[in-house]
């Protein structure tokens, strides 16, 4: 510090602002600051690179979370739609049963026949399909056995009569087919007299 007239040192004031407040021009750094060691910019670059990598990782994580969220919302939306359609179709199954009985008895004629055909076409378009035929192998996952008998005409448990059609929507069973089942004659359980 430069000495004062009375022998005391005068305080030194430094203005470290980059822009001169009076002229608005960029100031040049003092010579002692310009000669900063080479390690400082490299350290700053390393720190910036680390921050950039961290922000990039955060952004990628957020992007992945958003993508997963969108997929989950779309999957849930599709599931809710399928559930709603399945519920509506299930409520219409008794109507289809009545139409089938009327058709079997020859009572489905004229305009009602056209209405029935239109209804069946719309329900098929929504994914409803009937199943259960006489002669199908009995499958407890899609058939409900209401009657049971033994027969020499079958080689495995078989639906010998369909009492009520089953319906499915895609792979989902809305109602099992109600059937009468016959098993092969040799599958008859042994009676108590045979045990003695």
N, C-alpha and C. Protein backbone atom coordinates (compact mmCIF):
# COMPACT_ATOMS: atom_id res chain seq x y z
N UNK A 1 0.83 -1.16 0.00
CA UNK A 1 0.00 0.00 0.00
C UNK A 1 0.89 1.24 0.00
N UNK A 2 0.45 2.24 -0.73
CA UNK A 2 1.28 3.45 -0.74
C UNK A 2 1.18 4.16 0.60
N UNK A 3 2.29 4.74 1.09
CA UNK A 3 2.26 5.43 2.39
C UNK A 3 1.54 6.77 2.26
N UNK A 4 0.87 7.16 3.33
CA UNK A 4 0.20 8.46 3.38
C UNK A 4 1.19 9.50 3.84
N UNK A 5 0.72 10.71 3.81
CA UNK A 5 1.60 11.81 4.24
C UNK A 5 1.93 11.70 5.72
N UNK A 6 1.00 11.22 6.49
CA UNK A 6 1.24 11.14 7.92
C UNK A 6 1.88 9.80 8.30
N UNK A 7 2.27 8.98 7.32
CA UNK A 7 2.99 7.75 7.57
C UNK A 7 2.11 6.51 7.62
N UNK A 8 0.82 6.69 7.53
CA UNK A 8 -0.06 5.52 7.52
C UNK A 8 -0.33 5.10 6.09
N UNK A 9 -0.60 3.83 5.95
CA UNK A 9 -0.88 3.32 4.60
C UNK A 9 -2.30 3.67 4.21
N UNK A 10 -2.46 4.00 2.94
CA UNK A 10 -3.77 4.37 2.40
C UNK A 10 -4.48 3.08 1.98
N UNK A 11 -5.83 2.93 2.24
CA UNK A 11 -6.53 1.72 1.82
C UNK A 11 -6.62 1.67 0.29
N UNK A 12 -6.55 0.45 -0.24
CA UNK A 12 -6.64 0.24 -1.67
C UNK A 12 -8.03 -0.34 -1.96
N UNK A 13 -8.73 0.26 -2.91
CA UNK A 13 -10.06 -0.21 -3.30
C UNK A 13 -9.96 -0.76 -4.71
N UNK A 14 -10.43 -1.98 -4.87
CA UNK A 14 -10.40 -2.61 -6.19
C UNK A 14 -11.83 -2.85 -6.65
N UNK A 15 -12.11 -2.51 -7.90
CA UNK A 15 -13.42 -2.75 -8.51
C UNK A 15 -13.28 -3.98 -9.40
N UNK A 16 -13.85 -5.13 -8.96
CA UNK A 16 -13.70 -6.39 -9.70
C UNK A 16 -14.86 -6.65 -10.67
N UNK A 17 -15.66 -5.65 -10.90
CA UNK A 17 -16.76 -5.84 -11.84
C UNK A 17 -16.21 -5.98 -13.24
N UNK A 18 -16.83 -6.87 -14.02
CA UNK A 18 -16.38 -7.15 -15.38
C UNK A 18 -16.78 -6.04 -16.35
N UNK A 19 -17.85 -5.32 -16.02
CA UNK A 19 -18.33 -4.26 -16.89
C UNK A 19 -18.19 -2.92 -16.15
N UNK A 20 -17.63 -1.98 -16.81
CA UNK A 20 -17.45 -0.64 -16.24
C UNK A 20 -18.82 0.01 -16.12
N UNK A 21 -19.23 0.41 -14.87
CA UNK A 21 -20.56 0.98 -14.69
C UNK A 21 -20.74 2.34 -15.37
N UNK A 22 -19.68 3.03 -15.62
CA UNK A 22 -19.80 4.34 -16.25
C UNK A 22 -19.88 4.25 -17.76
N UNK A 23 -19.06 3.39 -18.37
CA UNK A 23 -19.03 3.33 -19.84
C UNK A 23 -19.85 2.18 -20.39
N UNK A 24 -20.12 1.12 -19.58
CA UNK A 24 -20.85 -0.05 -20.06
C UNK A 24 -19.98 -0.99 -20.88
N UNK A 25 -18.69 -0.73 -20.95
CA UNK A 25 -17.76 -1.55 -21.72
C UNK A 25 -17.19 -2.66 -20.84
N UNK A 26 -16.80 -3.75 -21.49
CA UNK A 26 -16.18 -4.85 -20.78
C UNK A 26 -14.78 -4.44 -20.39
N UNK A 27 -14.43 -4.66 -19.15
CA UNK A 27 -13.10 -4.32 -18.67
C UNK A 27 -12.15 -5.47 -18.92
N UNK A 28 -10.93 -5.17 -19.12
CA UNK A 28 -9.92 -6.20 -19.21
C UNK A 28 -9.50 -6.57 -17.81
N UNK A 29 -9.23 -7.86 -17.63
CA UNK A 29 -8.82 -8.32 -16.31
C UNK A 29 -7.45 -7.76 -15.99
N UNK A 30 -7.19 -7.44 -14.72
CA UNK A 30 -5.86 -6.97 -14.34
C UNK A 30 -4.82 -8.02 -14.67
N UNK A 31 -3.62 -7.60 -14.83
CA UNK A 31 -2.53 -8.49 -15.23
C UNK A 31 -2.32 -9.63 -14.26
N UNK A 32 -2.49 -9.37 -12.95
CA UNK A 32 -2.26 -10.44 -11.98
C UNK A 32 -3.34 -11.52 -12.07
N UNK A 33 -4.57 -11.16 -12.52
CA UNK A 33 -5.63 -12.16 -12.69
C UNK A 33 -5.50 -12.89 -14.01
N UNK A 34 -4.90 -12.26 -15.03
CA UNK A 34 -4.74 -12.89 -16.32
C UNK A 34 -3.75 -14.02 -16.28
N UNK A 35 -2.85 -13.97 -15.34
CA UNK A 35 -1.82 -14.99 -15.25
C UNK A 35 -2.23 -16.09 -14.29
N UNK A 36 -3.52 -16.44 -14.25
CA UNK A 36 -3.99 -17.52 -13.38
C UNK A 36 -3.39 -18.83 -13.84
N UNK A 37 -3.15 -19.73 -12.92
CA UNK A 37 -2.54 -21.01 -13.30
C UNK A 37 -3.45 -21.79 -14.24
N UNK A 38 -2.87 -22.66 -15.06
CA UNK A 38 -3.59 -23.44 -16.06
C UNK A 38 -4.52 -24.47 -15.41
N UNK A 39 -4.25 -24.81 -14.16
CA UNK A 39 -5.08 -25.83 -13.50
C UNK A 39 -6.49 -25.30 -13.24
N UNK A 40 -6.65 -23.99 -13.02
CA UNK A 40 -7.97 -23.42 -12.69
C UNK A 40 -8.98 -23.64 -13.82
N UNK A 41 -8.67 -23.29 -15.08
CA UNK A 41 -9.67 -23.56 -16.13
C UNK A 41 -9.93 -25.05 -16.31
N UNK A 42 -8.92 -25.86 -16.15
CA UNK A 42 -9.13 -27.30 -16.29
C UNK A 42 -10.02 -27.82 -15.17
N UNK A 43 -9.80 -27.29 -13.95
CA UNK A 43 -10.65 -27.71 -12.83
C UNK A 43 -12.09 -27.27 -13.07
N UNK A 44 -12.26 -26.03 -13.58
CA UNK A 44 -13.60 -25.55 -13.88
C UNK A 44 -14.24 -26.40 -14.98
N UNK A 45 -13.46 -26.75 -16.01
CA UNK A 45 -13.99 -27.59 -17.09
C UNK A 45 -14.39 -28.96 -16.56
N UNK A 46 -13.59 -29.52 -15.68
CA UNK A 46 -13.93 -30.83 -15.09
C UNK A 46 -15.20 -30.75 -14.26
N UNK A 47 -15.34 -29.66 -13.49
CA UNK A 47 -16.53 -29.46 -12.68
C UNK A 47 -17.77 -29.27 -13.56
N UNK A 48 -17.60 -28.49 -14.62
CA UNK A 48 -18.71 -28.28 -15.56
C UNK A 48 -19.10 -29.59 -16.24
N UNK A 49 -18.09 -30.38 -16.61
CA UNK A 49 -18.37 -31.66 -17.26
C UNK A 49 -19.13 -32.58 -16.31
N UNK A 50 -18.74 -32.57 -15.03
CA UNK A 50 -19.43 -33.40 -14.04
C UNK A 50 -20.87 -32.94 -13.87
N UNK A 51 -21.08 -31.62 -13.80
CA UNK A 51 -22.44 -31.09 -13.68
C UNK A 51 -23.27 -31.42 -14.91
N UNK A 52 -22.65 -31.31 -16.08
CA UNK A 52 -23.35 -31.64 -17.32
C UNK A 52 -23.75 -33.10 -17.35
N UNK A 53 -22.83 -33.99 -16.93
CA UNK A 53 -23.14 -35.42 -16.91
C UNK A 53 -24.27 -35.71 -15.93
N UNK A 54 -24.25 -35.03 -14.78
CA UNK A 54 -25.30 -35.22 -13.78
C UNK A 54 -26.65 -34.74 -14.32
N UNK A 55 -26.69 -33.58 -14.95
CA UNK A 55 -27.94 -33.05 -15.51
C UNK A 55 -28.45 -33.93 -16.64
N UNK A 56 -27.53 -34.42 -17.46
CA UNK A 56 -27.92 -35.32 -18.56
C UNK A 56 -28.53 -36.60 -18.01
N UNK A 57 -27.91 -37.17 -16.96
CA UNK A 57 -28.45 -38.38 -16.34
C UNK A 57 -29.83 -38.11 -15.75
N UNK A 58 -29.99 -36.95 -15.09
CA UNK A 58 -31.31 -36.60 -14.54
C UNK A 58 -32.35 -36.48 -15.65
N UNK A 59 -31.97 -35.85 -16.74
CA UNK A 59 -32.89 -35.69 -17.87
C UNK A 59 -33.26 -37.04 -18.48
N UNK A 60 -32.29 -37.92 -18.62
CA UNK A 60 -32.57 -39.25 -19.18
C UNK A 60 -33.48 -40.03 -18.23
N UNK A 61 -33.26 -39.91 -16.93
CA UNK A 61 -34.09 -40.60 -15.95
C UNK A 61 -35.53 -40.08 -16.02
N UNK A 62 -35.68 -38.75 -16.11
CA UNK A 62 -37.02 -38.17 -16.22
C UNK A 62 -37.71 -38.60 -17.52
N UNK A 63 -36.95 -38.65 -18.61
CA UNK A 63 -37.51 -39.08 -19.89
C UNK A 63 -37.99 -40.54 -19.80
N UNK A 64 -37.19 -41.40 -19.16
CA UNK A 64 -37.58 -42.80 -19.00
C UNK A 64 -38.83 -42.93 -18.12
N UNK A 65 -38.88 -42.15 -17.03
CA UNK A 65 -40.06 -42.18 -16.16
C UNK A 65 -41.31 -41.72 -16.92
N UNK A 66 -41.18 -40.69 -17.72
CA UNK A 66 -42.32 -40.19 -18.48
C UNK A 66 -42.78 -41.22 -19.52
N UNK A 67 -41.83 -41.84 -20.19
CA UNK A 67 -42.17 -42.88 -21.18
C UNK A 67 -42.90 -44.04 -20.50
N UNK A 68 -42.40 -44.47 -19.34
CA UNK A 68 -43.07 -45.56 -18.60
C UNK A 68 -44.46 -45.13 -18.14
N UNK A 69 -44.59 -43.90 -17.71
CA UNK A 69 -45.89 -43.38 -17.29
C UNK A 69 -46.87 -43.41 -18.45
N UNK A 70 -46.44 -42.93 -19.62
CA UNK A 70 -47.32 -42.94 -20.80
C UNK A 70 -47.76 -44.35 -21.15
N UNK A 71 -46.81 -45.30 -21.12
CA UNK A 71 -47.16 -46.70 -21.42
C UNK A 71 -48.16 -47.25 -20.42
N UNK A 72 -47.92 -46.96 -19.14
CA UNK A 72 -48.81 -47.45 -18.09
C UNK A 72 -50.21 -46.86 -18.25
N UNK A 73 -50.31 -45.57 -18.55
CA UNK A 73 -51.62 -44.93 -18.76
C UNK A 73 -52.33 -45.54 -19.96
N UNK A 74 -51.60 -45.77 -21.03
CA UNK A 74 -52.21 -46.37 -22.24
C UNK A 74 -52.69 -47.79 -21.95
N UNK A 75 -51.86 -48.57 -21.23
CA UNK A 75 -52.24 -49.95 -20.89
C UNK A 75 -53.48 -49.95 -19.99
N UNK A 76 -53.52 -49.02 -19.01
CA UNK A 76 -54.68 -48.94 -18.13
C UNK A 76 -55.92 -48.51 -18.89
N UNK A 77 -55.75 -47.59 -19.84
CA UNK A 77 -56.89 -47.11 -20.63
C UNK A 77 -57.48 -48.26 -21.45
N UNK A 78 -56.61 -49.07 -22.06
CA UNK A 78 -57.07 -50.21 -22.84
C UNK A 78 -57.76 -51.24 -21.94
N UNK A 79 -57.19 -51.48 -20.76
CA UNK A 79 -57.79 -52.44 -19.83
C UNK A 79 -59.17 -51.99 -19.36
N UNK A 80 -59.31 -50.70 -19.07
CA UNK A 80 -60.61 -50.17 -18.62
C UNK A 80 -61.63 -50.29 -19.75
N UNK A 81 -61.21 -49.99 -20.98
CA UNK A 81 -62.13 -50.11 -22.11
C UNK A 81 -62.58 -51.55 -22.28
N UNK A 82 -61.62 -52.50 -22.24
CA UNK A 82 -61.97 -53.91 -22.40
C UNK A 82 -62.90 -54.37 -21.28
N UNK A 83 -62.66 -53.90 -20.07
CA UNK A 83 -63.50 -54.28 -18.94
C UNK A 83 -64.92 -53.73 -19.12
N UNK A 84 -65.02 -52.50 -19.60
CA UNK A 84 -66.35 -51.90 -19.83
C UNK A 84 -67.10 -52.65 -20.93
N UNK A 85 -66.41 -52.97 -22.02
CA UNK A 85 -67.06 -53.71 -23.12
C UNK A 85 -67.47 -55.10 -22.64
N UNK A 86 -66.60 -55.77 -21.88
CA UNK A 86 -66.93 -57.10 -21.36
C UNK A 86 -68.15 -57.04 -20.45
N UNK A 87 -68.24 -56.00 -19.61
CA UNK A 87 -69.40 -55.85 -18.73
C UNK A 87 -70.69 -55.67 -19.52
N UNK A 88 -70.64 -54.85 -20.55
CA UNK A 88 -71.84 -54.62 -21.38
C UNK A 88 -72.22 -55.90 -22.13
N UNK A 89 -71.23 -56.60 -22.67
CA UNK A 89 -71.52 -57.84 -23.41
C UNK A 89 -72.11 -58.90 -22.48
N UNK A 90 -71.61 -59.00 -21.26
CA UNK A 90 -72.12 -59.97 -20.30
C UNK A 90 -73.60 -59.72 -20.00
N UNK A 91 -73.97 -58.44 -19.92
CA UNK A 91 -75.37 -58.11 -19.66
C UNK A 91 -76.28 -58.49 -20.84
N UNK A 92 -75.72 -58.56 -22.05
CA UNK A 92 -76.52 -58.89 -23.23
C UNK A 92 -76.61 -60.40 -23.50
N UNK A 93 -75.87 -61.22 -22.77
CA UNK A 93 -75.91 -62.66 -23.01
C UNK A 93 -77.30 -63.27 -22.84
N UNK A 94 -78.10 -62.90 -21.85
CA UNK A 94 -79.47 -63.45 -21.76
C UNK A 94 -80.31 -63.11 -22.99
N UNK A 95 -80.09 -61.93 -23.57
CA UNK A 95 -80.82 -61.56 -24.79
C UNK A 95 -80.43 -62.50 -25.92
N UNK A 96 -79.14 -62.79 -26.04
CA UNK A 96 -78.69 -63.73 -27.08
C UNK A 96 -79.26 -65.13 -26.85
N UNK A 97 -79.37 -65.53 -25.58
CA UNK A 97 -79.98 -66.84 -25.27
C UNK A 97 -81.44 -66.87 -25.74
N UNK A 98 -82.16 -65.79 -25.48
CA UNK A 98 -83.56 -65.72 -25.92
C UNK A 98 -83.66 -65.76 -27.44
N UNK A 99 -82.79 -65.06 -28.12
CA UNK A 99 -82.77 -65.07 -29.59
C UNK A 99 -82.48 -66.48 -30.10
N UNK A 100 -81.55 -67.17 -29.46
CA UNK A 100 -81.22 -68.54 -29.86
C UNK A 100 -82.39 -69.49 -29.67
N UNK A 101 -83.08 -69.36 -28.54
CA UNK A 101 -84.25 -70.22 -28.29
C UNK A 101 -85.37 -69.94 -29.30
N UNK A 102 -85.58 -68.65 -29.61
CA UNK A 102 -86.61 -68.29 -30.59
C UNK A 102 -86.24 -68.86 -31.96
N UNK A 103 -84.96 -68.81 -32.31
CA UNK A 103 -84.51 -69.35 -33.59
C UNK A 103 -84.72 -70.88 -33.64
N UNK A 104 -84.41 -71.57 -32.53
CA UNK A 104 -84.57 -73.03 -32.47
C UNK A 104 -86.04 -73.44 -32.61
N UNK A 105 -86.95 -72.62 -32.14
CA UNK A 105 -88.37 -72.95 -32.21
C UNK A 105 -89.06 -72.36 -33.45
N UNK A 106 -88.29 -71.73 -34.33
CA UNK A 106 -88.86 -71.19 -35.56
C UNK A 106 -89.67 -69.92 -35.37
N UNK A 107 -89.50 -69.26 -34.24
CA UNK A 107 -90.28 -68.06 -33.95
C UNK A 107 -89.57 -66.78 -34.36
N UNK A 108 -88.37 -66.88 -34.85
CA UNK A 108 -87.59 -65.70 -35.22
C UNK A 108 -87.79 -65.45 -36.71
N UNK A 109 -88.77 -64.62 -37.06
CA UNK A 109 -89.10 -64.36 -38.45
C UNK A 109 -89.29 -62.87 -38.69
N UNK A 110 -89.30 -62.49 -39.94
CA UNK A 110 -89.62 -61.12 -40.33
C UNK A 110 -88.62 -60.11 -39.81
N UNK A 111 -89.17 -59.00 -39.32
CA UNK A 111 -88.35 -57.89 -38.84
C UNK A 111 -87.51 -58.26 -37.63
N UNK A 112 -88.04 -59.13 -36.78
CA UNK A 112 -87.27 -59.53 -35.60
C UNK A 112 -86.02 -60.31 -35.98
N UNK A 113 -86.10 -61.07 -37.04
CA UNK A 113 -84.93 -61.81 -37.51
C UNK A 113 -83.84 -60.83 -37.94
N UNK A 114 -84.22 -59.77 -38.64
CA UNK A 114 -83.24 -58.75 -39.08
C UNK A 114 -82.61 -58.05 -37.88
N UNK A 115 -83.44 -57.72 -36.88
CA UNK A 115 -82.93 -57.07 -35.67
C UNK A 115 -81.95 -57.99 -34.96
N UNK A 116 -82.31 -59.28 -34.85
CA UNK A 116 -81.45 -60.25 -34.18
C UNK A 116 -80.11 -60.38 -34.92
N UNK A 117 -80.16 -60.44 -36.25
CA UNK A 117 -78.94 -60.55 -37.04
C UNK A 117 -78.06 -59.31 -36.87
N UNK A 118 -78.69 -58.14 -36.84
CA UNK A 118 -77.93 -56.89 -36.65
C UNK A 118 -77.27 -56.87 -35.28
N UNK A 119 -78.02 -57.26 -34.25
CA UNK A 119 -77.47 -57.29 -32.90
C UNK A 119 -76.29 -58.26 -32.82
N UNK A 120 -76.45 -59.44 -33.38
CA UNK A 120 -75.37 -60.43 -33.36
C UNK A 120 -74.15 -59.93 -34.12
N UNK A 121 -74.37 -59.21 -35.24
CA UNK A 121 -73.25 -58.68 -36.02
C UNK A 121 -72.49 -57.62 -35.22
N UNK A 122 -73.22 -56.75 -34.53
CA UNK A 122 -72.56 -55.70 -33.73
C UNK A 122 -71.77 -56.33 -32.59
N UNK A 123 -72.34 -57.33 -31.93
CA UNK A 123 -71.64 -57.98 -30.81
C UNK A 123 -70.41 -58.73 -31.29
N UNK A 124 -70.48 -59.31 -32.47
CA UNK A 124 -69.31 -59.98 -33.04
C UNK A 124 -68.22 -58.95 -33.35
N UNK A 125 -68.64 -57.80 -33.85
CA UNK A 125 -67.69 -56.73 -34.15
C UNK A 125 -66.98 -56.25 -32.88
N UNK A 126 -67.67 -56.30 -31.75
CA UNK A 126 -67.07 -55.90 -30.47
C UNK A 126 -66.18 -57.00 -29.89
N UNK A 127 -66.12 -58.15 -30.56
CA UNK A 127 -65.21 -59.21 -30.12
C UNK A 127 -65.88 -60.39 -29.45
N UNK A 128 -67.20 -60.41 -29.37
CA UNK A 128 -67.91 -61.52 -28.73
C UNK A 128 -67.99 -62.70 -29.69
N UNK A 129 -67.65 -63.88 -29.18
CA UNK A 129 -67.77 -65.08 -30.02
C UNK A 129 -68.31 -66.23 -29.17
N UNK A 130 -69.29 -66.97 -29.73
CA UNK A 130 -69.84 -68.11 -29.00
C UNK A 130 -68.91 -69.33 -29.14
N UNK A 131 -68.99 -70.23 -28.16
CA UNK A 131 -68.25 -71.48 -28.26
C UNK A 131 -69.04 -72.56 -27.53
N UNK A 132 -68.66 -73.78 -27.78
CA UNK A 132 -69.33 -74.94 -27.18
C UNK A 132 -70.12 -75.70 -28.23
N UNK A 133 -69.57 -76.80 -28.69
CA UNK A 133 -70.23 -77.63 -29.70
C UNK A 133 -70.36 -79.05 -29.17
N UNK A 134 -71.39 -79.71 -29.60
CA UNK A 134 -71.57 -81.11 -29.26
C UNK A 134 -70.38 -81.89 -29.82
N UNK A 135 -69.76 -82.71 -29.00
CA UNK A 135 -68.60 -83.49 -29.42
C UNK A 135 -67.27 -82.87 -29.02
N UNK A 136 -67.28 -81.66 -28.47
CA UNK A 136 -66.02 -81.04 -28.00
C UNK A 136 -65.47 -81.82 -26.82
N UNK A 137 -64.16 -81.98 -26.73
CA UNK A 137 -63.58 -82.57 -25.53
C UNK A 137 -63.89 -81.66 -24.33
N UNK A 138 -64.24 -82.26 -23.21
CA UNK A 138 -64.59 -81.49 -22.02
C UNK A 138 -63.35 -80.79 -21.47
N UNK A 139 -63.46 -79.48 -21.29
CA UNK A 139 -62.37 -78.67 -20.73
C UNK A 139 -62.96 -77.85 -19.59
N UNK A 140 -62.60 -78.17 -18.35
CA UNK A 140 -63.22 -77.46 -17.22
C UNK A 140 -62.92 -75.97 -17.17
N UNK A 141 -61.95 -75.49 -17.95
CA UNK A 141 -61.66 -74.05 -17.95
C UNK A 141 -62.66 -73.28 -18.80
N UNK A 142 -63.35 -73.97 -19.74
CA UNK A 142 -64.33 -73.28 -20.59
C UNK A 142 -65.70 -73.95 -20.59
N UNK A 143 -65.83 -75.10 -19.94
CA UNK A 143 -67.11 -75.79 -19.86
C UNK A 143 -67.56 -75.91 -18.41
N UNK A 144 -68.86 -75.86 -18.22
CA UNK A 144 -69.46 -76.13 -16.92
C UNK A 144 -70.34 -77.36 -17.09
N UNK A 145 -69.97 -78.44 -16.40
CA UNK A 145 -70.71 -79.70 -16.53
C UNK A 145 -71.95 -79.65 -15.65
N UNK A 146 -73.13 -79.76 -16.29
CA UNK A 146 -74.38 -79.77 -15.55
C UNK A 146 -74.93 -81.19 -15.39
N UNK A 147 -74.53 -82.08 -16.29
CA UNK A 147 -74.96 -83.48 -16.24
C UNK A 147 -73.76 -84.35 -16.54
N UNK A 148 -73.77 -85.56 -15.97
CA UNK A 148 -72.65 -86.48 -16.16
C UNK A 148 -73.19 -87.87 -16.43
N UNK A 149 -72.55 -88.57 -17.37
CA UNK A 149 -72.93 -89.95 -17.66
C UNK A 149 -71.72 -90.70 -18.19
N UNK A 150 -71.93 -92.02 -18.45
CA UNK A 150 -70.87 -92.85 -19.03
C UNK A 150 -71.38 -93.36 -20.37
N UNK A 151 -70.45 -93.54 -21.33
CA UNK A 151 -70.86 -93.97 -22.67
C UNK A 151 -69.73 -94.76 -23.31
N UNK A 152 -70.14 -95.73 -24.14
CA UNK A 152 -69.15 -96.51 -24.90
C UNK A 152 -68.77 -95.79 -26.18
N UNK A 153 -69.47 -94.71 -26.52
CA UNK A 153 -69.23 -93.99 -27.76
C UNK A 153 -68.15 -92.92 -27.67
N UNK A 154 -67.62 -92.69 -26.47
CA UNK A 154 -66.58 -91.67 -26.31
C UNK A 154 -65.30 -92.31 -25.76
N UNK A 155 -64.17 -91.69 -26.10
CA UNK A 155 -62.88 -92.21 -25.63
C UNK A 155 -62.25 -91.31 -24.57
N UNK A 156 -62.84 -90.15 -24.37
CA UNK A 156 -62.37 -89.19 -23.36
C UNK A 156 -63.57 -88.42 -22.88
N UNK A 157 -63.48 -87.70 -21.76
CA UNK A 157 -64.63 -86.89 -21.33
C UNK A 157 -65.01 -85.91 -22.45
N UNK A 158 -66.28 -85.99 -22.86
CA UNK A 158 -66.75 -85.26 -24.04
C UNK A 158 -68.08 -84.58 -23.74
N UNK A 159 -68.28 -83.40 -24.32
CA UNK A 159 -69.57 -82.72 -24.22
C UNK A 159 -70.50 -83.38 -25.22
N UNK A 160 -71.49 -84.13 -24.71
CA UNK A 160 -72.41 -84.83 -25.61
C UNK A 160 -73.65 -83.99 -25.91
N UNK A 161 -73.85 -82.93 -25.13
CA UNK A 161 -74.96 -82.04 -25.39
C UNK A 161 -74.61 -80.65 -24.85
N UNK A 162 -74.93 -79.62 -25.62
CA UNK A 162 -74.68 -78.24 -25.18
C UNK A 162 -76.02 -77.68 -24.71
N UNK A 163 -76.11 -77.42 -23.41
CA UNK A 163 -77.34 -76.90 -22.83
C UNK A 163 -77.42 -75.37 -22.95
N UNK A 164 -76.27 -74.71 -22.94
CA UNK A 164 -76.22 -73.26 -23.09
C UNK A 164 -74.84 -72.89 -23.65
N UNK A 165 -74.85 -72.12 -24.74
CA UNK A 165 -73.58 -71.72 -25.36
C UNK A 165 -72.73 -70.91 -24.38
N UNK A 166 -71.43 -71.04 -24.56
CA UNK A 166 -70.50 -70.19 -23.82
C UNK A 166 -70.10 -69.02 -24.72
N UNK A 167 -69.61 -67.95 -24.10
CA UNK A 167 -69.18 -66.78 -24.87
C UNK A 167 -67.84 -66.31 -24.34
N UNK A 168 -67.03 -65.84 -25.29
CA UNK A 168 -65.74 -65.25 -24.92
C UNK A 168 -65.53 -63.97 -25.70
N UNK A 169 -64.69 -63.12 -25.14
CA UNK A 169 -64.26 -61.90 -25.82
C UNK A 169 -62.75 -62.01 -25.91
N UNK A 170 -62.26 -62.29 -27.10
CA UNK A 170 -60.82 -62.55 -27.24
C UNK A 170 -60.48 -63.83 -26.51
N UNK A 171 -59.54 -63.77 -25.58
CA UNK A 171 -59.17 -64.94 -24.78
C UNK A 171 -59.93 -65.01 -23.47
N UNK A 172 -60.70 -63.99 -23.18
CA UNK A 172 -61.40 -63.90 -21.90
C UNK A 172 -62.76 -64.59 -21.99
N UNK A 173 -62.99 -65.58 -21.12
CA UNK A 173 -64.27 -66.30 -21.09
C UNK A 173 -65.25 -65.46 -20.28
N UNK A 174 -66.34 -65.03 -20.96
CA UNK A 174 -67.38 -64.26 -20.27
C UNK A 174 -68.37 -65.17 -19.57
N UNK A 175 -68.64 -66.32 -20.20
CA UNK A 175 -69.52 -67.32 -19.60
C UNK A 175 -69.12 -68.68 -20.14
N UNK A 176 -68.93 -69.67 -19.26
CA UNK A 176 -68.58 -71.00 -19.76
C UNK A 176 -69.77 -71.65 -20.45
N UNK A 177 -69.46 -72.57 -21.36
CA UNK A 177 -70.53 -73.32 -22.02
C UNK A 177 -71.05 -74.35 -21.02
N UNK A 178 -72.37 -74.43 -20.89
CA UNK A 178 -72.99 -75.39 -19.96
C UNK A 178 -73.34 -76.64 -20.76
N UNK A 179 -72.75 -77.77 -20.34
CA UNK A 179 -72.83 -78.98 -21.16
C UNK A 179 -73.18 -80.20 -20.32
N UNK A 180 -73.62 -81.24 -21.03
CA UNK A 180 -73.76 -82.58 -20.46
C UNK A 180 -72.51 -83.34 -20.89
N UNK A 181 -71.87 -84.00 -19.93
CA UNK A 181 -70.59 -84.65 -20.19
C UNK A 181 -70.73 -86.16 -20.07
N UNK A 182 -70.09 -86.87 -20.99
CA UNK A 182 -70.03 -88.33 -20.92
C UNK A 182 -68.58 -88.74 -20.85
N UNK A 183 -68.31 -89.75 -19.99
CA UNK A 183 -66.96 -90.31 -19.88
C UNK A 183 -66.99 -91.71 -20.48
N UNK A 184 -65.83 -92.24 -20.86
CA UNK A 184 -65.80 -93.60 -21.39
C UNK A 184 -66.33 -94.60 -20.37
N UNK A 185 -66.96 -95.67 -20.87
CA UNK A 185 -67.57 -96.69 -20.03
C UNK A 185 -66.54 -97.32 -19.09
N UNK A 186 -65.30 -97.51 -19.56
CA UNK A 186 -64.28 -98.16 -18.73
C UNK A 186 -63.82 -97.27 -17.57
N UNK A 187 -64.26 -96.02 -17.53
CA UNK A 187 -63.90 -95.11 -16.43
C UNK A 187 -64.92 -95.19 -15.31
N UNK A 188 -65.90 -96.13 -15.40
CA UNK A 188 -66.91 -96.28 -14.36
C UNK A 188 -66.23 -96.67 -13.05
N UNK A 189 -66.54 -95.97 -11.95
CA UNK A 189 -65.92 -96.32 -10.68
C UNK A 189 -66.38 -97.71 -10.22
N UNK A 190 -65.48 -98.42 -9.57
CA UNK A 190 -65.78 -99.78 -9.08
C UNK A 190 -66.79 -99.69 -7.96
N UNK A 191 -67.73 -100.65 -7.93
CA UNK A 191 -68.75 -100.66 -6.88
C UNK A 191 -68.20 -101.33 -5.63
N UNK A 192 -68.93 -101.25 -4.51
CA UNK A 192 -68.47 -101.83 -3.25
C UNK A 192 -68.41 -103.35 -3.33
N UNK A 193 -69.27 -104.00 -4.17
CA UNK A 193 -69.28 -105.47 -4.28
C UNK A 193 -67.98 -105.97 -4.88
N UNK A 194 -67.35 -105.17 -5.77
CA UNK A 194 -66.12 -105.60 -6.42
C UNK A 194 -64.96 -105.61 -5.45
N UNK A 195 -65.06 -104.83 -4.36
CA UNK A 195 -63.96 -104.77 -3.40
C UNK A 195 -63.89 -106.03 -2.55
N UNK A 196 -64.98 -106.78 -2.38
CA UNK A 196 -65.02 -107.97 -1.51
C UNK A 196 -64.50 -109.16 -2.18
